Amino acid sequence: MPKNLDQKIEEILTRGTEEIIPSKNGLKDLMKRKKIRLYLGVDPTSPKIHLGHLVPLKKLKHFQELGHEAILLFGTFTAQVGDPSGRDEQRKPLSSEQVKENMKTYKEQVSKFIDLSGIQIKYNADWLQELTFSGLVKIASNFTVSRLLERDMFQRRLKEKKEVWVNEFLYPLMQGYDSVALDVDLEIGAIDQTFNMLVGRKLQRVFNKKEKFVLTTPILLGLDGRKMSKTFGNTVDIVDSSDEIYGKIMSLADNLIINYLELITDFPLEDIRKIKSDLIRKKINPRDVKAMLGREIVNIIHGKKLAASAEKDFDKVFRKKQLPSRIPEVRIEKTDIDILELLVKTKLVSSKSEAKRLIMQKGVKIDGVIQKEWKKIIKIKKGEVVQIGKRKFVKIV
């Protein structure tokens, strides 16, 4: 049965939503009265977008599909300052050149699951770069030091006698001013951005005499249940190959399956509730549900054809202990090469130190043989397969 407008609004404001400030009913009424103007901000602090970013991006997409004026804001200025959200120490500031480098493929990555032709793209360096010192003082005069120090990570640092830097102190004011510059009715963001978004809510009232709603989304945890972070090696990156994404989802902790189904897929909630019930009663195998989830996530990012191929290759490698049908090829001109250099040249690792660590952990194979010596010289043979872990393969040509 087709959903009416009330049902569509209710689902947008409920599924994948943590909290709506000041009220869900108030935002619902506003959406019925007019097409609202809303935005989601993303700081390009890394060249990769991971699956966790998809949660608020999906929310932006759903508002846009209902005909609302959706804005995707790239924090080209705030990324240089560094958001302290969730940080126990100062984030390393980035140069404008580093931000530009990180930004190179952002649109391409986002466009894998959002039609950017229907979304406005903005950059906050356009107004924050031009903000005068007197303008910053005017913004800051609306807040007390004690209010800004209420942030949980600042409180934690102070208790541990760690520093709180002035640029971190000012960050919420900069993000908050984005709401004024864009003059929005709503801001979307992960729940760890609540403080920053509420600063913007106050500034919107002060400068534009206008209410701004805040909608927070849950944080998608990493594959192992910890915060999704490159440091922990538990991310699913949008730039990952279809085989990597599928394999990573198959390694997902069982207790996170339902969370991923709810936040990443568009499966009907009644179907997800049935799956949850069947998992609890052990009527279905968690592996089978992860296989379905893996297919769907690869489909979202890479399409159905590669999703089917990724599942087939996973079964070949993990069930039948065979090589995958599609292996990237790398040409090595040398006949003899240091094993650490080989792993770097094949781009299976980013550094020789990482290569050494993996060899010492027995995570490197050449033609199925575990490599134990990190000082070893390898005689190159055309057609041999270099393998890192369970999912990364390269053929030498």
Protein backbone atom coordinates (compact mmCIF):
# COMPACT_ATOMS: atom_id res chain seq x y z
CA MET A 1 0.00 0.00 0.00
CA PRO A 2 1.49 3.41 -0.98
CA LYS A 3 2.41 5.58 1.99
CA ASN A 4 0.65 8.91 2.44
CA LEU A 5 2.53 12.09 3.43
CA ASP A 6 1.88 11.62 7.17
CA GLN A 7 3.33 8.10 7.06
CA LYS A 8 6.40 9.22 5.11
CA ILE A 9 7.08 12.09 7.53
CA GLU A 10 6.60 9.78 10.53
CA GLU A 11 9.11 7.26 9.14
CA ILE A 12 11.73 9.94 8.37
CA LEU A 13 11.41 11.34 11.88
CA THR A 14 11.49 7.93 13.58
CA ARG A 15 13.74 5.43 11.79
CA GLY A 16 17.43 6.08 12.28
CA THR A 17 16.63 9.05 14.53
CA GLU A 18 18.03 9.45 18.02
CA GLU A 19 16.45 12.75 19.10
CA ILE A 20 14.61 15.78 17.70
CA ILE A 21 15.01 19.14 19.46
CA PRO A 22 12.87 20.92 20.57
CA SER A 23 10.16 18.39 19.56
CA LYS A 24 9.24 15.81 16.96
CA ASN A 25 5.67 17.11 16.70
CA GLY A 26 6.88 20.65 16.10
CA LEU A 27 9.08 19.56 13.21
CA LYS A 28 6.32 17.36 11.81
CA ASP A 29 3.89 20.29 11.80
CA LEU A 30 6.46 22.53 10.09
CA MET A 31 7.07 19.92 7.38
CA LYS A 32 3.34 19.73 6.67
CA ARG A 33 3.05 23.52 6.36
CA LYS A 34 6.00 24.19 4.05
CA LYS A 35 9.09 22.87 2.32
CA ILE A 36 11.81 23.28 4.93
CA ARG A 37 15.47 24.20 4.38
CA LEU A 38 17.90 21.80 6.05
CA TYR A 39 21.56 20.85 6.01
CA LEU A 40 24.11 18.22 6.98
CA GLY A 41 27.73 19.23 7.52
CA VAL A 42 30.72 16.97 6.82
CA ASP A 43 34.30 17.96 7.66
CA PRO A 44 36.76 16.50 5.08
CA THR A 45 39.37 15.51 7.69
CA SER A 46 40.18 12.29 5.82
CA PRO A 47 40.11 11.30 2.13
CA LYS A 48 37.71 8.44 2.90
CA ILE A 49 34.05 8.36 3.84
CA HIS A 50 33.00 5.29 5.81
CA LEU A 51 29.71 3.51 6.32
CA GLY A 52 28.99 5.51 9.49
CA HIS A 53 28.64 8.67 7.37
CA LEU A 54 25.85 6.96 5.45
CA VAL A 55 23.43 7.19 8.41
CA PRO A 56 22.97 11.02 8.40
CA LEU A 57 23.50 11.14 4.60
CA LYS A 58 20.54 8.79 4.14
CA LYS A 59 18.46 11.05 6.34
CA LEU A 60 19.37 14.06 4.17
CA LYS A 61 18.46 12.04 1.07
CA HIS A 62 15.03 11.12 2.46
CA PHE A 63 14.19 14.75 3.23
CA GLN A 64 15.27 15.71 -0.29
CA GLU A 65 13.09 12.94 -1.78
CA LEU A 66 10.09 14.48 0.02
CA GLY A 67 10.78 17.74 -1.81
CA HIS A 68 12.52 19.68 0.94
CA GLU A 69 15.49 21.98 0.24
CA ALA A 70 18.49 19.87 1.22
CA ILE A 71 22.05 21.20 1.57
CA LEU A 72 25.24 19.18 1.93
CA LEU A 73 27.85 21.41 3.56
CA PHE A 74 31.51 20.56 3.31
CA GLY A 75 33.42 22.03 6.26
CA THR A 76 36.36 23.32 4.26
CA PHE A 77 37.17 25.83 7.01
CA THR A 78 36.12 23.90 10.13
CA ALA A 79 38.18 20.89 8.95
CA GLN A 80 41.26 23.09 9.28
CA VAL A 81 40.36 23.89 12.90
CA GLY A 82 39.44 20.36 14.04
CA ASP A 83 36.24 19.25 15.72
CA PRO A 84 36.93 18.17 19.33
CA SER A 85 33.77 16.00 19.46
CA GLY A 86 34.59 12.67 21.07
CA ARG A 87 38.29 13.49 21.34
CA ASP A 88 40.34 13.06 24.50
CA GLU A 89 43.16 15.10 23.01
CA GLN A 90 43.57 17.88 20.46
CA ARG A 91 42.85 16.94 16.85
CA LYS A 92 45.75 17.79 14.58
CA PRO A 93 44.84 20.88 12.48
CA LEU A 94 44.91 20.50 8.70
CA SER A 95 46.19 22.95 6.10
CA SER A 96 43.89 24.23 3.36
CA GLU A 97 45.96 22.15 0.89
CA GLN A 98 45.34 18.97 2.91
CA VAL A 99 41.61 19.72 3.03
CA LYS A 100 41.53 20.23 -0.76
CA GLU A 101 43.35 16.92 -1.23
CA ASN A 102 40.86 15.14 1.04
CA MET A 103 37.98 16.73 -0.85
CA LYS A 104 39.04 15.41 -4.28
CA THR A 105 36.82 12.33 -4.26
CA TYR A 106 34.21 13.31 -1.64
CA LYS A 107 31.51 14.15 -4.16
CA GLU A 108 32.21 10.94 -6.07
CA GLN A 109 31.95 8.89 -2.87
CA VAL A 110 28.75 10.59 -1.70
CA SER A 111 27.15 10.28 -5.14
CA LYS A 112 27.22 6.49 -4.81
CA PHE A 113 24.08 6.71 -2.67
CA ILE A 114 22.76 10.28 -3.12
CA ASP A 115 21.71 11.98 -6.34
CA LEU A 116 23.67 15.20 -5.92
CA SER A 117 21.74 16.88 -8.74
CA GLY A 118 18.92 17.42 -6.23
CA ILE A 119 21.18 18.58 -3.38
CA GLN A 120 22.80 21.99 -2.92
CA ILE A 121 26.55 21.84 -2.22
CA LYS A 122 28.05 24.53 0.01
CA TYR A 123 31.51 25.17 1.57
CA ASN A 124 31.80 26.96 4.92
CA ALA A 125 35.16 28.54 4.05
CA ASP A 126 33.08 30.85 1.85
CA TRP A 127 31.82 32.73 4.92
CA LEU A 128 34.06 31.68 7.82
CA GLN A 129 37.19 32.72 5.90
CA GLU A 130 35.68 36.20 5.56
CA LEU A 131 34.53 36.49 9.17
CA THR A 132 36.18 39.47 10.90
CA PHE A 133 37.51 39.46 14.44
CA SER A 134 34.69 41.79 15.49
CA GLY A 135 32.25 39.34 13.88
CA LEU A 136 33.70 36.49 15.92
CA VAL A 137 33.44 38.58 19.10
CA LYS A 138 29.78 39.29 18.29
CA ILE A 139 29.12 35.55 17.94
CA ALA A 140 31.07 34.66 21.09
CA SER A 141 29.23 37.28 23.19
CA ASN A 142 26.15 35.02 23.16
CA PHE A 143 27.83 32.32 25.26
CA THR A 144 29.51 32.04 28.64
CA VAL A 145 32.74 30.17 29.28
CA SER A 146 30.96 27.89 31.74
CA ARG A 147 28.38 26.95 29.08
CA LEU A 148 31.03 26.01 26.52
CA LEU A 149 32.93 24.04 29.15
CA GLU A 150 29.87 21.84 29.72
CA ARG A 151 30.93 19.65 26.77
CA ASP A 152 31.52 16.13 28.06
CA MET A 153 34.95 15.72 26.44
CA PHE A 154 36.11 19.05 27.92
CA GLN A 155 34.90 17.98 31.35
CA ARG A 156 36.72 14.67 30.95
CA ARG A 157 39.96 16.37 29.94
CA LEU A 158 39.80 18.85 32.81
CA LYS A 159 39.32 16.01 35.31
CA GLU A 160 42.35 14.27 33.80
CA LYS A 161 44.30 17.56 33.90
CA LYS A 162 44.58 17.64 30.09
CA GLU A 163 44.52 20.80 28.01
CA VAL A 164 41.52 22.34 26.25
CA TRP A 165 42.79 24.44 23.35
CA VAL A 166 41.26 27.76 22.32
CA ASN A 167 40.65 26.65 18.72
CA GLU A 168 38.64 23.68 20.05
CA PHE A 169 36.76 26.08 22.32
CA LEU A 170 35.80 28.17 19.29
CA TYR A 171 34.84 25.24 17.05
CA PRO A 172 31.16 25.05 18.18
CA LEU A 173 30.79 28.78 17.41
CA MET A 174 32.08 28.25 13.87
CA GLN A 175 29.81 25.28 13.21
CA GLY A 176 26.96 27.15 14.86
CA TYR A 177 27.45 30.12 12.54
CA ASP A 178 26.92 27.79 9.55
CA SER A 179 23.23 27.67 10.52
CA VAL A 180 23.09 31.47 10.39
CA ALA A 181 24.90 31.72 7.05
CA LEU A 182 22.65 29.04 5.50
CA ASP A 183 19.51 30.30 7.33
CA VAL A 184 18.09 26.79 7.84
CA ASP A 185 15.04 25.35 9.57
CA LEU A 186 16.77 22.09 10.46
CA GLU A 187 20.25 20.64 10.96
CA ILE A 188 20.99 16.91 10.75
CA GLY A 189 23.98 15.32 12.44
CA ALA A 190 25.23 12.35 14.44
CA ILE A 191 24.45 12.41 18.14
CA ASP A 192 28.04 13.37 19.03
CA GLN A 193 27.37 16.69 17.25
CA THR A 194 24.44 17.64 19.51
CA PHE A 195 26.34 20.33 21.43
CA ASN A 196 27.59 22.02 18.25
CA MET A 197 24.15 21.90 16.64
CA LEU A 198 22.50 23.44 19.71
CA VAL A 199 24.99 26.32 19.53
CA GLY A 200 23.75 26.85 15.97
CA ARG A 201 20.15 26.73 17.20
CA LYS A 202 20.82 29.58 19.61
CA LEU A 203 22.71 31.65 17.02
CA GLN A 204 19.89 31.20 14.50
CA ARG A 205 17.46 32.65 17.05
CA VAL A 206 19.80 35.55 17.84
CA PHE A 207 20.84 36.54 14.30
CA ASN A 208 17.89 35.47 12.13
CA LYS A 209 15.10 35.51 14.76
CA LYS A 210 14.19 32.01 13.63
CA GLU A 211 13.67 28.59 15.20
CA LYS A 212 16.04 25.83 14.11
CA PHE A 213 15.26 22.19 14.74
CA VAL A 214 18.00 19.66 15.45
CA LEU A 215 17.73 16.02 14.39
CA THR A 216 20.39 13.64 15.67
CA THR A 217 21.15 10.19 14.28
CA PRO A 218 22.72 7.22 16.10
CA ILE A 219 26.42 6.48 15.66
CA LEU A 220 27.08 3.32 13.69
CA LEU A 221 29.61 1.23 15.58
CA GLY A 222 32.57 -0.42 13.91
CA LEU A 223 32.61 -4.07 12.88
CA ASP A 224 33.92 -5.13 16.31
CA GLY A 225 31.49 -3.06 18.38
CA ARG A 226 33.94 -0.24 19.13
CA LYS A 227 33.76 3.26 17.66
CA MET A 228 34.23 3.08 13.87
CA SER A 229 37.80 4.25 13.43
CA LYS A 230 40.71 3.69 11.04
CA THR A 231 42.90 3.29 14.14
CA PHE A 232 40.93 0.19 15.17
CA GLY A 233 40.80 -1.19 11.62
CA ASN A 234 37.04 -1.73 11.96
CA THR A 235 35.69 0.60 9.26
CA VAL A 236 33.84 -0.16 6.05
CA ASP A 237 35.05 2.53 3.64
CA ILE A 238 33.04 3.62 0.62
CA VAL A 239 36.17 3.30 -1.53
CA ASP A 240 36.62 -0.35 -0.50
CA SER A 241 36.16 -2.90 -3.27
CA SER A 242 32.98 -4.96 -3.41
CA ASP A 243 34.90 -8.03 -2.15
CA GLU A 244 36.36 -6.07 0.78
CA ILE A 245 32.98 -4.66 1.80
CA TYR A 246 31.25 -8.04 1.63
CA GLY A 247 34.05 -9.73 3.56
CA LYS A 248 34.04 -7.05 6.23
CA ILE A 249 30.28 -7.37 6.74
CA MET A 250 30.67 -11.13 7.10
CA SER A 251 33.08 -10.39 10.00
CA LEU A 252 30.52 -8.13 11.72
CA ALA A 253 29.84 -8.88 15.39
CA ASP A 254 26.53 -10.77 15.62
CA ASN A 255 25.02 -8.32 18.10
CA LEU A 256 25.33 -5.48 15.55
CA ILE A 257 23.40 -7.15 12.71
CA ILE A 258 20.02 -5.57 13.51
CA ASN A 259 21.61 -2.17 14.07
CA TYR A 260 23.18 -2.25 10.59
CA LEU A 261 19.93 -3.49 9.00
CA GLU A 262 17.98 -0.61 10.56
CA LEU A 263 20.47 2.18 9.92
CA ILE A 264 22.03 1.28 6.55
CA THR A 265 19.38 -0.60 4.58
CA ASP A 266 15.87 0.35 3.51
CA PHE A 267 14.41 -3.04 4.46
CA PRO A 268 10.91 -2.63 5.95
CA LEU A 269 10.98 -2.39 9.74
CA GLU A 270 8.47 -5.23 10.09
CA ASP A 271 10.87 -7.52 8.18
CA ILE A 272 13.76 -6.48 10.43
CA ARG A 273 11.68 -7.15 13.55
CA LYS A 274 10.95 -10.66 12.22
CA ILE A 275 14.66 -11.27 11.59
CA LYS A 276 15.47 -10.05 15.10
CA SER A 277 12.91 -12.42 16.60
CA ASP A 278 14.20 -15.35 14.54
CA LEU A 279 17.79 -14.62 15.61
CA ILE A 280 16.82 -14.55 19.28
CA ARG A 281 14.95 -17.85 18.93
CA LYS A 282 17.82 -19.28 16.86
CA LYS A 283 15.51 -20.05 13.95
CA ILE A 284 18.04 -18.55 11.53
CA ASN A 285 21.83 -18.56 11.39
CA PRO A 286 23.48 -15.13 11.95
CA ARG A 287 25.83 -15.98 9.06
CA ASP A 288 22.90 -16.15 6.63
CA VAL A 289 21.60 -12.76 7.79
CA LYS A 290 25.07 -11.23 7.40
CA ALA A 291 25.28 -12.66 3.88
CA MET A 292 21.99 -10.89 3.04
CA LEU A 293 23.24 -7.70 4.71
CA GLY A 294 26.55 -7.89 2.89
CA ARG A 295 24.80 -8.27 -0.49
CA GLU A 296 22.59 -5.29 0.23
CA ILE A 297 25.40 -2.98 1.36
CA VAL A 298 27.56 -3.89 -1.65
CA ASN A 299 24.47 -3.31 -3.82
CA ILE A 300 23.99 0.17 -2.32
CA ILE A 301 27.61 1.15 -3.04
CA HIS A 302 28.61 -0.89 -6.10
CA GLY A 303 25.41 -2.31 -7.60
CA LYS A 304 23.71 -5.73 -7.83
CA LYS A 305 26.16 -7.34 -10.25
CA LEU A 306 29.20 -6.79 -8.03
CA ALA A 307 27.16 -7.74 -4.96
CA ALA A 308 26.44 -11.18 -6.45
CA SER A 309 30.07 -11.58 -7.55
CA ALA A 310 31.39 -10.60 -4.11
CA GLU A 311 29.22 -13.23 -2.42
CA LYS A 312 30.39 -15.90 -4.90
CA ASP A 313 34.06 -15.03 -4.37
CA PHE A 314 33.66 -15.01 -0.59
CA ASP A 315 32.30 -18.55 -0.70
CA LYS A 316 35.19 -19.62 -2.94
CA VAL A 317 37.81 -18.22 -0.57
CA PHE A 318 36.30 -19.00 2.83
CA ARG A 319 34.24 -22.14 2.25
CA LYS A 320 36.07 -23.85 -0.59
CA LYS A 321 39.53 -22.42 0.27
CA GLN A 322 40.03 -21.37 -3.37
CA LEU A 323 41.39 -18.15 -4.86
CA PRO A 324 38.83 -15.47 -5.80
CA SER A 325 37.86 -15.26 -9.47
CA ARG A 326 38.86 -11.61 -9.72
CA ILE A 327 42.35 -10.71 -8.46
CA PRO A 328 43.96 -7.30 -9.12
CA GLU A 329 47.20 -7.53 -11.10
CA VAL A 330 50.43 -5.62 -10.44
CA ARG A 331 53.53 -5.50 -12.64
CA ILE A 332 56.85 -5.85 -10.81
CA GLU A 333 59.90 -5.16 -12.98
CA LYS A 334 62.53 -6.41 -10.54
CA THR A 335 63.54 -10.08 -10.45
CA ASP A 336 64.63 -9.96 -6.80
CA ILE A 337 62.95 -7.69 -4.27
CA ASP A 338 62.84 -7.14 -0.53
CA ILE A 339 59.54 -8.54 0.80
CA LEU A 340 58.67 -5.27 2.56
CA GLU A 341 59.20 -3.32 -0.67
CA LEU A 342 57.11 -5.89 -2.56
CA LEU A 343 54.14 -5.44 -0.22
CA VAL A 344 54.34 -1.65 -0.56
CA LYS A 345 54.67 -1.78 -4.37
CA THR A 346 51.60 -4.02 -4.65
CA LYS A 347 49.72 -1.43 -2.52
CA LEU A 348 48.57 -4.15 -0.16
CA VAL A 349 50.06 -2.04 2.64
CA SER A 350 50.76 1.66 2.99
CA SER A 351 54.19 1.40 4.61
CA LYS A 352 57.09 -0.94 5.27
CA SER A 353 56.39 -0.76 9.00
CA GLU A 354 52.86 -2.06 8.39
CA ALA A 355 54.29 -4.81 6.15
CA LYS A 356 56.75 -5.85 8.86
CA ARG A 357 54.00 -5.97 11.49
CA LEU A 358 51.78 -8.16 9.29
CA ILE A 359 54.62 -10.60 8.54
CA MET A 360 55.40 -10.91 12.25
CA GLN A 361 51.68 -11.62 12.82
CA LYS A 362 51.80 -14.35 10.12
CA GLY A 363 49.32 -12.38 8.04
CA VAL A 364 51.22 -12.54 4.71
CA LYS A 365 51.15 -15.40 2.19
CA ILE A 366 52.80 -15.86 -1.20
CA ASP A 367 51.19 -18.62 -3.27
CA GLY A 368 49.56 -19.91 -0.11
CA VAL A 369 52.78 -20.10 1.92
CA ILE A 370 52.95 -18.04 5.14
CA GLN A 371 55.88 -15.62 5.12
CA LYS A 372 57.73 -15.52 8.45
CA GLU A 373 60.91 -13.53 7.64
CA TRP A 374 60.51 -9.79 7.18
CA LYS A 375 64.10 -9.45 5.88
CA LYS A 376 63.53 -12.02 3.13
CA ILE A 377 64.43 -11.37 -0.52
CA ILE A 378 61.71 -12.63 -2.87
CA LYS A 379 62.45 -14.01 -6.33
CA ILE A 380 59.61 -12.71 -8.51
CA LYS A 381 57.61 -15.27 -10.46
CA LYS A 382 54.95 -14.20 -12.92
CA GLY A 383 51.50 -15.35 -11.85
CA GLU A 384 52.22 -15.82 -8.15
CA VAL A 385 49.61 -14.47 -5.73
CA VAL A 386 50.46 -12.28 -2.75
CA GLN A 387 47.86 -12.32 0.02
CA ILE A 388 47.33 -10.12 3.07
CA GLY A 389 44.98 -11.46 5.71
CA LYS A 390 41.88 -13.21 4.44
CA ARG A 391 40.57 -10.73 1.91
CA LYS A 392 43.39 -8.94 0.08
CA PHE A 393 44.98 -10.56 -2.98
CA VAL A 394 47.29 -9.36 -5.76
CA LYS A 395 48.68 -11.31 -8.74
CA ILE A 396 52.18 -10.52 -10.00
CA VAL A 397 52.37 -10.09 -13.80
